[in-house]
Amino acid sequence: MSKAKQIKEASSKFKLPRKLKKAQTKARLKQASEYLWNELAKGFEEAKGS
């Protein structure tokens, strides 16, 4: 294996966790925003009802 290929593989191993973290953060943000929108919708429904 060439030196460049070894370096490239090593660096890609380090990049993977960062990508996973980004994906997790995105998923968390999406869940949080969906939850907030649901709460807002509930609040509006209650306001309309009263």
C-alpha atoms as a PDB file:
ATOM      1  CA  MET A   1       0.000   0.000   0.000  1.00  0.00           C
ATOM      2  CA  SER A   2       1.304   3.443  -0.864  1.00  0.00           C
ATOM      3  CA  LYS A   3       2.048   6.005   1.823  1.00  0.00           C
ATOM      4  CA  ALA A   4      -0.572   8.412   0.486  1.00  0.00           C
ATOM      5  CA  LYS A   5      -3.267   5.743   0.601  1.00  0.00           C
ATOM      6  CA  GLN A   6      -2.351   4.870   4.194  1.00  0.00           C
ATOM      7  CA  ILE A   7      -2.599   8.510   5.235  1.00  0.00           C
ATOM      8  CA  LYS A   8      -5.909   8.907   3.423  1.00  0.00           C
ATOM      9  CA  GLU A   9      -7.392   5.841   5.131  1.00  0.00           C
ATOM     10  CA  ALA A  10      -6.167   6.996   8.534  1.00  0.00           C
ATOM     11  CA  SER A  11      -7.679  10.443   8.069  1.00  0.00           C
ATOM     12  CA  SER A  12     -10.999   9.003   6.886  1.00  0.00           C
ATOM     13  CA  LYS A  13     -11.132   6.942  10.082  1.00  0.00           C
ATOM     14  CA  PHE A  14     -10.888  10.162  12.087  1.00  0.00           C
ATOM     15  CA  LYS A  15     -13.474  11.958   9.982  1.00  0.00           C
ATOM     16  CA  LEU A  16     -16.152   9.307  10.450  1.00  0.00           C
ATOM     17  CA  PRO A  17     -17.008  10.052  14.101  1.00  0.00           C
ATOM     18  CA  ARG A  18     -17.354  13.745  13.291  1.00  0.00           C
ATOM     19  CA  LYS A  19     -19.868  12.924  10.543  1.00  0.00           C
ATOM     20  CA  LEU A  20     -21.754  10.659  12.940  1.00  0.00           C
ATOM     21  CA  LYS A  21     -21.841  13.413  15.550  1.00  0.00           C
ATOM     22  CA  LYS A  22     -23.213  15.851  12.968  1.00  0.00           C
ATOM     23  CA  ALA A  23     -25.897  13.357  11.975  1.00  0.00           C
ATOM     24  CA  GLN A  24     -26.839  12.801  15.616  1.00  0.00           C
ATOM     25  CA  THR A  25     -27.015  16.537  16.240  1.00  0.00           C
ATOM     26  CA  LYS A  26     -29.215  17.009  13.168  1.00  0.00           C
ATOM     27  CA  ALA A  27     -31.516  14.213  14.321  1.00  0.00           C
ATOM     28  CA  ARG A  28     -31.744  15.759  17.790  1.00  0.00           C
ATOM     29  CA  LEU A  29     -32.513  19.187  16.363  1.00  0.00           C
ATOM     30  CA  LYS A  30     -35.190  17.706  14.121  1.00  0.00           C
ATOM     31  CA  GLN A  31     -36.795  15.880  17.042  1.00  0.00           C
ATOM     32  CA  ALA A  32     -36.672  19.001  19.191  1.00  0.00           C
ATOM     33  CA  SER A  33     -38.229  21.192  16.497  1.00  0.00           C
ATOM     34  CA  GLU A  34     -40.977  18.639  15.813  1.00  0.00           C
ATOM     35  CA  TYR A  35     -41.721  18.493  19.540  1.00  0.00           C
ATOM     36  CA  LEU A  36     -41.843  22.282  19.773  1.00  0.00           C
ATOM     37  CA  TRP A  37     -44.163  22.554  16.768  1.00  0.00           C
ATOM     38  CA  ASN A  38     -46.462  19.920  18.294  1.00  0.00           C
ATOM     39  CA  GLU A  39     -46.541  21.854  21.567  1.00  0.00           C
ATOM     40  CA  LEU A  40     -47.280  25.081  19.682  1.00  0.00           C
ATOM     41  CA  ALA A  41     -50.075  23.395  17.755  1.00  0.00           C
ATOM     42  CA  LYS A  42     -51.562  22.088  21.013  1.00  0.00           C
ATOM     43  CA  GLY A  43     -51.376  25.591  22.465  1.00  0.00           C
ATOM     44  CA  PHE A  44     -53.186  27.061  19.450  1.00  0.00           C
ATOM     45  CA  GLU A  45     -55.881  24.374  19.586  1.00  0.00           C
ATOM     46  CA  GLU A  46     -56.456  25.120  23.286  1.00  0.00           C
ATOM     47  CA  ALA A  47     -56.549  28.861  22.605  1.00  0.00           C
ATOM     48  CA  LYS A  48     -59.122  28.349  19.838  1.00  0.00           C
ATOM     49  CA  GLY A  49     -61.222  26.139  22.098  1.00  0.00           C
ATOM     50  CA  SER A  50     -61.449  28.634  24.955  1.00  0.00           C
END
